PDB file of N, CA and C in Angstrom:
ATOM      1  N   UNK A   1     -25.904  54.920  99.052  1.00  0.00           N
ATOM      2  CA  UNK A   1     -25.548  56.306  99.289  1.00  0.00           C
ATOM      3  C   UNK A   1     -26.650  56.961 100.102  1.00  0.00           C
ATOM      4  N   UNK A   2     -26.267  57.756 101.049  1.00  0.00           N
ATOM      5  CA  UNK A   2     -27.224  58.461 101.869  1.00  0.00           C
ATOM      6  C   UNK A   2     -27.649  59.777 101.243  1.00  0.00           C
ATOM      7  N   UNK A   3     -28.540  60.446 101.921  1.00  0.00           N
ATOM      8  CA  UNK A   3     -29.064  61.716 101.428  1.00  0.00           C
ATOM      9  C   UNK A   3     -27.961  62.767 101.348  1.00  0.00           C
ATOM     10  N   UNK A   4     -27.084  62.788 102.317  1.00  0.00           N
ATOM     11  CA  UNK A   4     -25.981  63.761 102.307  1.00  0.00           C
ATOM     12  C   UNK A   4     -25.081  63.542 101.096  1.00  0.00           C
ATOM     13  N   UNK A   5     -24.832  62.293 100.754  1.00  0.00           N
ATOM     14  CA  UNK A   5     -24.012  62.001  99.574  1.00  0.00           C
ATOM     15  C   UNK A   5     -24.687  62.496  98.311  1.00  0.00           C
ATOM     16  N   UNK A   6     -26.019  62.314  98.206  1.00  0.00           N
ATOM     17  CA  UNK A   6     -26.739  62.808  97.037  1.00  0.00           C
ATOM     18  C   UNK A   6     -26.685  64.331  96.965  1.00  0.00           C
ATOM     19  N   UNK A   7     -26.747  64.996  98.100  1.00  0.00           N
ATOM     20  CA  UNK A   7     -26.682  66.463  98.103  1.00  0.00           C
ATOM     21  C   UNK A   7     -25.304  66.930  97.645  1.00  0.00           C
ATOM     22  N   UNK A   8     -24.261  66.306  98.164  1.00  0.00           N
ATOM     23  CA  UNK A   8     -22.896  66.669  97.742  1.00  0.00           C
ATOM     24  C   UNK A   8     -22.717  66.376  96.256  1.00  0.00           C
ATOM     25  N   UNK A   9     -23.181  65.215  95.830  1.00  0.00           N
ATOM     26  CA  UNK A   9     -23.105  64.859  94.410  1.00  0.00           C
ATOM     27  C   UNK A   9     -23.865  65.874  93.563  1.00  0.00           C
ATOM     28  N   UNK A  10     -25.034  66.293  94.027  1.00  0.00           N
ATOM     29  CA  UNK A  10     -25.833  67.286  93.308  1.00  0.00           C
ATOM     30  C   UNK A  10     -25.157  68.638  93.221  1.00  0.00           C
ATOM     31  N   UNK A  11     -24.488  69.039  94.299  1.00  0.00           N
ATOM     32  CA  UNK A  11     -23.771  70.318  94.278  1.00  0.00           C
ATOM     33  C   UNK A  11     -22.666  70.307  93.225  1.00  0.00           C
ATOM     34  N   UNK A  12     -21.913  69.226  93.205  1.00  0.00           N
ATOM     35  CA  UNK A  12     -20.822  69.113  92.226  1.00  0.00           C
ATOM     36  C   UNK A  12     -21.397  68.969  90.809  1.00  0.00           C
ATOM     37  N   UNK A  13     -22.444  68.166  90.660  1.00  0.00           N
ATOM     38  CA  UNK A  13     -23.061  67.981  89.338  1.00  0.00           C
ATOM     39  C   UNK A  13     -23.644  69.289  88.828  1.00  0.00           C
ATOM     40  N   UNK A  14     -24.243  70.073  89.704  1.00  0.00           N
ATOM     41  CA  UNK A  14     -24.772  71.376  89.302  1.00  0.00           C
ATOM     42  C   UNK A  14     -23.666  72.317  88.837  1.00  0.00           C
ATOM     43  N   UNK A  15     -22.531  72.283  89.525  1.00  0.00           N
ATOM     44  CA  UNK A  15     -21.400  73.117  89.114  1.00  0.00           C
ATOM     45  C   UNK A  15     -20.862  72.676  87.759  1.00  0.00           C
ATOM     46  N   UNK A  16     -20.801  71.369  87.533  1.00  0.00           N
ATOM     47  CA  UNK A  16     -20.324  70.869  86.241  1.00  0.00           C
ATOM     48  C   UNK A  16     -21.316  71.219  85.135  1.00  0.00           C
ATOM     49  N   UNK A  17     -22.616  71.077  85.411  1.00  0.00           N
ATOM     50  CA  UNK A  17     -23.629  71.448  84.417  1.00  0.00           C
ATOM     51  C   UNK A  17     -23.542  72.937  84.103  1.00  0.00           C
ATOM     52  N   UNK A  18     -23.268  73.753  85.106  1.00  0.00           N
ATOM     53  CA  UNK A  18     -23.110  75.194  84.904  1.00  0.00           C
ATOM     54  C   UNK A  18     -21.895  75.485  84.033  1.00  0.00           C
ATOM     55  N   UNK A  19     -20.820  74.717  84.207  1.00  0.00           N
ATOM     56  CA  UNK A  19     -19.642  74.896  83.354  1.00  0.00           C
ATOM     57  C   UNK A  19     -19.942  74.505  81.905  1.00  0.00           C
ATOM     58  N   UNK A  20     -20.781  73.477  81.728  1.00  0.00           N
ATOM     59  CA  UNK A  20     -21.143  73.044  80.376  1.00  0.00           C
ATOM     60  C   UNK A  20     -22.112  74.004  79.699  1.00  0.00           C
ATOM     61  N   UNK A  21     -22.862  74.761  80.502  1.00  0.00           N
ATOM     62  CA  UNK A  21     -23.866  75.689  79.979  1.00  0.00           C
ATOM     63  C   UNK A  21     -23.638  77.053  80.630  1.00  0.00           C
ATOM     64  N   UNK A  22     -22.596  77.768  80.191  1.00  0.00           N
ATOM     65  CA  UNK A  22     -22.279  79.039  80.845  1.00  0.00           C
ATOM     66  C   UNK A  22     -23.312  80.108  80.529  1.00  0.00           C
ATOM     67  N   UNK A  23     -23.275  81.156  81.311  1.00  0.00           N
ATOM     68  CA  UNK A  23     -24.190  82.271  81.136  1.00  0.00           C
ATOM     69  C   UNK A  23     -24.874  82.588  82.446  1.00  0.00           C
ATOM     70  N   UNK A  24     -25.652  83.652  82.420  1.00  0.00           N
ATOM     71  CA  UNK A  24     -26.354  84.057  83.630  1.00  0.00           C
ATOM     72  C   UNK A  24     -27.656  83.284  83.747  1.00  0.00           C
ATOM     73  N   UNK A  25     -27.923  82.844  84.950  1.00  0.00           N
ATOM     74  CA  UNK A  25     -29.127  82.074  85.224  1.00  0.00           C
ATOM     75  C   UNK A  25     -30.169  82.956  85.894  1.00  0.00           C
ATOM     76  N   UNK A  26     -31.451  82.576  85.763  1.00  0.00           N
ATOM     77  CA  UNK A  26     -32.516  83.379  86.366  1.00  0.00           C
ATOM     78  C   UNK A  26     -32.414  83.495  87.875  1.00  0.00           C
ATOM     79  N   UNK A  27     -31.887  82.508  88.562  1.00  0.00           N
ATOM     80  CA  UNK A  27     -31.876  82.533  90.016  1.00  0.00           C
ATOM     81  C   UNK A  27     -30.518  82.745  90.643  1.00  0.00           C
ATOM     82  N   UNK A  28     -29.479  82.821  89.877  1.00  0.00           N
ATOM     83  CA  UNK A  28     -28.153  83.005  90.432  1.00  0.00           C
ATOM     84  C   UNK A  28     -27.540  81.708  90.928  1.00  0.00           C
ATOM     85  N   UNK A  29     -26.531  81.845  91.753  1.00  0.00           N
ATOM     86  CA  UNK A  29     -25.749  80.703  92.211  1.00  0.00           C
ATOM     87  C   UNK A  29     -26.542  79.763  93.115  1.00  0.00           C
ATOM     88  N   UNK A  30     -27.338  80.299  94.007  1.00  0.00           N
ATOM     89  CA  UNK A  30     -28.069  79.456  94.955  1.00  0.00           C
ATOM     90  C   UNK A  30     -29.103  78.600  94.234  1.00  0.00           C
ATOM     91  N   UNK A  31     -29.864  79.191  93.342  1.00  0.00           N
ATOM     92  CA  UNK A  31     -30.877  78.438  92.597  1.00  0.00           C
ATOM     93  C   UNK A  31     -30.209  77.428  91.673  1.00  0.00           C
ATOM     94  N   UNK A  32     -29.102  77.809  91.061  1.00  0.00           N
ATOM     95  CA  UNK A  32     -28.375  76.877  90.201  1.00  0.00           C
ATOM     96  C   UNK A  32     -27.883  75.683  91.001  1.00  0.00           C
ATOM     97  N   UNK A  33     -27.434  75.924  92.229  1.00  0.00           N
ATOM     98  CA  UNK A  33     -26.992  74.829  93.096  1.00  0.00           C
ATOM     99  C   UNK A  33     -28.159  73.919  93.458  1.00  0.00           C
ATOM    100  N   UNK A  34     -29.314  74.488  93.784  1.00  0.00           N
ATOM    101  CA  UNK A  34     -30.495  73.690  94.091  1.00  0.00           C
ATOM    102  C   UNK A  34     -30.961  72.888  92.875  1.00  0.00           C
ATOM    103  N   UNK A  35     -30.819  73.481  91.701  1.00  0.00           N
ATOM    104  CA  UNK A  35     -31.134  72.754  90.467  1.00  0.00           C
ATOM    105  C   UNK A  35     -30.189  71.564  90.314  1.00  0.00           C
ATOM    106  N   UNK A  36     -28.942  71.730  90.688  1.00  0.00           N
ATOM    107  CA  UNK A  36     -27.985  70.626  90.639  1.00  0.00           C
ATOM    108  C   UNK A  36     -28.370  69.481  91.557  1.00  0.00           C
ATOM    109  N   UNK A  37     -28.801  69.810  92.765  1.00  0.00           N
ATOM    110  CA  UNK A  37     -29.219  68.775  93.714  1.00  0.00           C
ATOM    111  C   UNK A  37     -30.461  68.058  93.186  1.00  0.00           C
ATOM    112  N   UNK A  38     -31.443  68.827  92.710  1.00  0.00           N
ATOM    113  CA  UNK A  38     -32.653  68.218  92.143  1.00  0.00           C
ATOM    114  C   UNK A  38     -32.311  67.408  90.897  1.00  0.00           C
ATOM    115  N   UNK A  39     -31.367  67.890  90.101  1.00  0.00           N
ATOM    116  CA  UNK A  39     -30.947  67.175  88.905  1.00  0.00           C
ATOM    117  C   UNK A  39     -30.308  65.841  89.206  1.00  0.00           C
ATOM    118  N   UNK A  40     -29.597  65.750  90.325  1.00  0.00           N
ATOM    119  CA  UNK A  40     -29.017  64.468  90.719  1.00  0.00           C
ATOM    120  C   UNK A  40     -30.113  63.456  90.994  1.00  0.00           C
ATOM    121  N   UNK A  41     -31.164  63.888  91.672  1.00  0.00           N
ATOM    122  CA  UNK A  41     -32.280  62.986  91.933  1.00  0.00           C
ATOM    123  C   UNK A  41     -33.019  62.631  90.650  1.00  0.00           C
ATOM    124  N   UNK A  42     -33.267  63.629  89.806  1.00  0.00           N
ATOM    125  CA  UNK A  42     -33.970  63.382  88.537  1.00  0.00           C
ATOM    126  C   UNK A  42     -33.140  62.485  87.631  1.00  0.00           C
ATOM    127  N   UNK A  43     -31.851  62.735  87.541  1.00  0.00           N
ATOM    128  CA  UNK A  43     -30.976  61.904  86.711  1.00  0.00           C
ATOM    129  C   UNK A  43     -30.948  60.462  87.174  1.00  0.00           C
ATOM    130  N   UNK A  44     -30.893  60.266  88.481  1.00  0.00           N
ATOM    131  CA  UNK A  44     -30.926  58.907  89.015  1.00  0.00           C
ATOM    132  C   UNK A  44     -32.243  58.208  88.721  1.00  0.00           C
ATOM    133  N   UNK A  45     -33.338  58.942  88.848  1.00  0.00           N
ATOM    134  CA  UNK A  45     -34.653  58.366  88.560  1.00  0.00           C
ATOM    135  C   UNK A  45     -34.796  58.034  87.072  1.00  0.00           C
ATOM    136  N   UNK A  46     -34.377  58.957  86.198  1.00  0.00           N
ATOM    137  CA  UNK A  46     -34.455  58.701  84.755  1.00  0.00           C
ATOM    138  C   UNK A  46     -33.598  57.511  84.351  1.00  0.00           C
ATOM    139  N   UNK A  47     -32.421  57.415  84.939  1.00  0.00           N
ATOM    140  CA  UNK A  47     -31.528  56.302  84.626  1.00  0.00           C
ATOM    141  C   UNK A  47     -32.145  54.970  85.027  1.00  0.00           C
ATOM    142  N   UNK A  48     -32.745  54.929  86.195  1.00  0.00           N
ATOM    143  CA  UNK A  48     -33.346  53.682  86.668  1.00  0.00           C
ATOM    144  C   UNK A  48     -34.635  53.361  85.923  1.00  0.00           C
ATOM    145  N   UNK A  49     -35.406  54.364  85.608  1.00  0.00           N
ATOM    146  CA  UNK A  49     -36.730  54.153  85.013  1.00  0.00           C
ATOM    147  C   UNK A  49     -36.661  53.840  83.518  1.00  0.00           C
ATOM    148  N   UNK A  50     -35.922  54.624  82.752  1.00  0.00           N
ATOM    149  CA  UNK A  50     -35.976  54.511  81.301  1.00  0.00           C
ATOM    150  C   UNK A  50     -34.770  53.809  80.675  1.00  0.00           C
ATOM    151  N   UNK A  51     -33.639  53.842  81.333  1.00  0.00           N
ATOM    152  CA  UNK A  51     -32.445  53.207  80.779  1.00  0.00           C
ATOM    153  C   UNK A  51     -32.185  51.839  81.393  1.00  0.00           C
ATOM    154  N   UNK A  52     -33.031  51.452  82.316  1.00  0.00           N
ATOM    155  CA  UNK A  52     -32.890  50.182  83.025  1.00  0.00           C
ATOM    156  C   UNK A  52     -31.495  50.051  83.621  1.00  0.00           C
ATOM    157  N   UNK A  53     -30.962  51.159  84.091  1.00  0.00           N
ATOM    158  CA  UNK A  53     -29.635  51.197  84.714  1.00  0.00           C
ATOM    159  C   UNK A  53     -29.741  51.938  86.033  1.00  0.00           C
ATOM    160  N   UNK A  54     -30.181  51.228  87.087  1.00  0.00           N
ATOM    161  CA  UNK A  54     -30.248  51.908  88.381  1.00  0.00           C
ATOM    162  C   UNK A  54     -28.867  52.362  88.827  1.00  0.00           C
ATOM    163  N   UNK A  55     -28.826  53.507  89.481  1.00  0.00           N
ATOM    164  CA  UNK A  55     -27.545  54.017  89.935  1.00  0.00           C
ATOM    165  C   UNK A  55     -27.032  53.147  91.070  1.00  0.00           C
ATOM    166  N   UNK A  56     -25.746  53.047  91.148  1.00  0.00           N
ATOM    167  CA  UNK A  56     -25.115  52.211  92.167  1.00  0.00           C
ATOM    168  C   UNK A  56     -25.172  52.913  93.520  1.00  0.00           C
ATOM    169  N   UNK A  57     -24.948  52.159  94.538  1.00  0.00           N
ATOM    170  CA  UNK A  57     -24.903  52.725  95.880  1.00  0.00           C
ATOM    171  C   UNK A  57     -23.509  53.204  96.236  1.00  0.00           C
ATOM    172  N   UNK A  58     -22.704  53.430  95.228  1.00  0.00           N
ATOM    173  CA  UNK A  58     -21.347  53.899  95.443  1.00  0.00           C
ATOM    174  C   UNK A  58     -21.230  55.330  94.968  1.00  0.00           C
ATOM    175  N   UNK A  59     -20.519  56.130  95.734  1.00  0.00           N
ATOM    176  CA  UNK A  59     -20.371  57.546  95.406  1.00  0.00           C
ATOM    177  C   UNK A  59     -19.489  57.751  94.183  1.00  0.00           C
ATOM    178  N   UNK A  60     -18.501  56.908  93.975  1.00  0.00           N
ATOM    179  CA  UNK A  60     -17.540  57.093  92.890  1.00  0.00           C
ATOM    180  C   UNK A  60     -17.839  56.210  91.688  1.00  0.00           C
ATOM    181  N   UNK A  61     -19.099  56.025  91.363  1.00  0.00           N
ATOM    182  CA  UNK A  61     -19.502  55.245  90.199  1.00  0.00           C
ATOM    183  C   UNK A  61     -19.731  56.200  89.024  1.00  0.00           C
ATOM    184  N   UNK A  62     -19.132  55.895  87.881  1.00  0.00           N
ATOM    185  CA  UNK A  62     -19.214  56.776  86.718  1.00  0.00           C
ATOM    186  C   UNK A  62     -20.650  56.953  86.239  1.00  0.00           C
ATOM    187  N   UNK A  63     -21.460  55.895  86.269  1.00  0.00           N
ATOM    188  CA  UNK A  63     -22.850  56.004  85.839  1.00  0.00           C
ATOM    189  C   UNK A  63     -23.654  56.906  86.774  1.00  0.00           C
ATOM    190  N   UNK A  64     -23.360  56.860  88.047  1.00  0.00           N
ATOM    191  CA  UNK A  64     -24.039  57.732  89.012  1.00  0.00           C
ATOM    192  C   UNK A  64     -23.718  59.185  88.722  1.00  0.00           C
ATOM    193  N   UNK A  65     -22.458  59.473  88.487  1.00  0.00           N
ATOM    194  CA  UNK A  65     -22.054  60.847  88.171  1.00  0.00           C
ATOM    195  C   UNK A  65     -22.644  61.309  86.840  1.00  0.00           C
ATOM    196  N   UNK A  66     -22.645  60.420  85.842  1.00  0.00           N
ATOM    197  CA  UNK A  66     -23.227  60.780  84.545  1.00  0.00           C
ATOM    198  C   UNK A  66     -24.708  61.082  84.654  1.00  0.00           C
ATOM    199  N   UNK A  67     -25.431  60.287  85.425  1.00  0.00           N
ATOM    200  CA  UNK A  67     -26.863  60.523  85.613  1.00  0.00           C
ATOM    201  C   UNK A  67     -27.105  61.841  86.344  1.00  0.00           C
ATOM    202  N   UNK A  68     -26.302  62.124  87.354  1.00  0.00           N
ATOM    203  CA  UNK A  68     -26.468  63.367  88.110  1.00  0.00           C
ATOM    204  C   UNK A  68     -26.161  64.595  87.260  1.00  0.00           C
ATOM    205  N   UNK A  69     -25.081  64.539  86.502  1.00  0.00           N
ATOM    206  CA  UNK A  69     -24.721  65.675  85.643  1.00  0.00           C
ATOM    207  C   UNK A  69     -25.748  65.842  84.536  1.00  0.00           C
ATOM    208  N   UNK A  70     -26.188  64.740  83.940  1.00  0.00           N
ATOM    209  CA  UNK A  70     -27.209  64.815  82.891  1.00  0.00           C
ATOM    210  C   UNK A  70     -28.517  65.383  83.403  1.00  0.00           C
ATOM    211  N   UNK A  71     -28.958  64.928  84.577  1.00  0.00           N
ATOM    212  CA  UNK A  71     -30.185  65.456  85.162  1.00  0.00           C
ATOM    213  C   UNK A  71     -30.068  66.936  85.493  1.00  0.00           C
ATOM    214  N   UNK A  72     -28.930  67.349  86.016  1.00  0.00           N
ATOM    215  CA  UNK A  72     -28.704  68.765  86.323  1.00  0.00           C
ATOM    216  C   UNK A  72     -28.712  69.615  85.058  1.00  0.00           C
ATOM    217  N   UNK A  73     -28.088  69.102  84.022  1.00  0.00           N
ATOM    218  CA  UNK A  73     -28.047  69.818  82.747  1.00  0.00           C
ATOM    219  C   UNK A  73     -29.459  69.980  82.180  1.00  0.00           C
ATOM    220  N   UNK A  74     -30.256  68.914  82.227  1.00  0.00           N
ATOM    221  CA  UNK A  74     -31.632  68.967  81.720  1.00  0.00           C
ATOM    222  C   UNK A  74     -32.460  69.979  82.500  1.00  0.00           C
ATOM    223  N   UNK A  75     -32.346  69.958  83.826  1.00  0.00           N
ATOM    224  CA  UNK A  75     -33.109  70.910  84.629  1.00  0.00           C
ATOM    225  C   UNK A  75     -32.642  72.346  84.421  1.00  0.00           C
ATOM    226  N   UNK A  76     -31.348  72.543  84.258  1.00  0.00           N
ATOM    227  CA  UNK A  76     -30.822  73.887  84.019  1.00  0.00           C
ATOM    228  C   UNK A  76     -31.310  74.436  82.688  1.00  0.00           C
ATOM    229  N   UNK A  77     -31.300  73.620  81.655  1.00  0.00           N
ATOM    230  CA  UNK A  77     -31.833  74.040  80.350  1.00  0.00           C
ATOM    231  C   UNK A  77     -33.325  74.336  80.463  1.00  0.00           C
ATOM    232  N   UNK A  78     -34.057  73.475  81.168  1.00  0.00           N
ATOM    233  CA  UNK A  78     -35.493  73.689  81.349  1.00  0.00           C
ATOM    234  C   UNK A  78     -35.804  74.985  82.072  1.00  0.00           C
ATOM    235  N   UNK A  79     -35.042  75.302  83.106  1.00  0.00           N
ATOM    236  CA  UNK A  79     -35.260  76.553  83.834  1.00  0.00           C
ATOM    237  C   UNK A  79     -34.943  77.762  82.969  1.00  0.00           C
ATOM    238  N   UNK A  80     -33.912  77.653  82.172  1.00  0.00           N
ATOM    239  CA  UNK A  80     -33.596  78.773  81.272  1.00  0.00           C
ATOM    240  C   UNK A  80     -34.685  78.972  80.221  1.00  0.00           C
ATOM    241  N   UNK A  81     -35.259  77.880  79.746  1.00  0.00           N
ATOM    242  CA  UNK A  81     -36.342  78.004  78.771  1.00  0.00           C
ATOM    243  C   UNK A  81     -37.590  78.608  79.397  1.00  0.00           C
ATOM    244  N   UNK A  82     -37.865  78.227  80.624  1.00  0.00           N
ATOM    245  CA  UNK A  82     -39.067  78.718  81.305  1.00  0.00           C
ATOM    246  C   UNK A  82     -38.938  80.152  81.800  1.00  0.00           C
ATOM    247  N   UNK A  83     -37.784  80.477  82.379  1.00  0.00           N
ATOM    248  CA  UNK A  83     -37.635  81.760  83.059  1.00  0.00           C
ATOM    249  C   UNK A  83     -36.680  82.719  82.377  1.00  0.00           C
ATOM    250  N   UNK A  84     -36.090  82.359  81.278  1.00  0.00           N
ATOM    251  CA  UNK A  84     -35.131  83.224  80.597  1.00  0.00           C
ATOM    252  C   UNK A  84     -33.727  82.968  81.099  1.00  0.00           C
ATOM    253  N   UNK A  85     -32.754  83.461  80.374  1.00  0.00           N
ATOM    254  CA  UNK A  85     -31.373  83.165  80.756  1.00  0.00           C
ATOM    255  C   UNK A  85     -30.627  84.375  81.293  1.00  0.00           C
ATOM    256  N   UNK A  86     -31.313  85.449  81.626  1.00  0.00           N
ATOM    257  CA  UNK A  86     -30.617  86.579  82.229  1.00  0.00           C
ATOM    258  C   UNK A  86     -31.487  87.212  83.297  1.00  0.00           C
ATOM    259  N   UNK A  87     -30.814  87.795  84.261  1.00  0.00           N
ATOM    260  CA  UNK A  87     -31.509  88.493  85.341  1.00  0.00           C
ATOM    261  C   UNK A  87     -31.518  89.976  85.037  1.00  0.00           C
ATOM    262  N   UNK A  88     -32.539  90.649  85.490  1.00  0.00           N
ATOM    263  CA  UNK A  88     -32.609  92.108  85.326  1.00  0.00           C
ATOM    264  C   UNK A  88     -32.455  92.790  86.658  1.00  0.00           C
TER     265      UNK A  88
END
């Protein structure tokens, strides 16, 4: 998978993580989307490093999507813990 595929995967994974964790985020939609993209990379790295399950080079692999959504969810929770869950 190329970088563009990871970005698209991250955008979708960030949206799914946002659906799983509703509420207002500290940075709004743009920051939440960037968290999704970063979460896809983090999820892939965590999967390969600690679960001994490197992500496949296929866009439609269930493990790849699970790692991306999981990484996005972890980063979204972390950002809410660090910066609060509402904007003023």
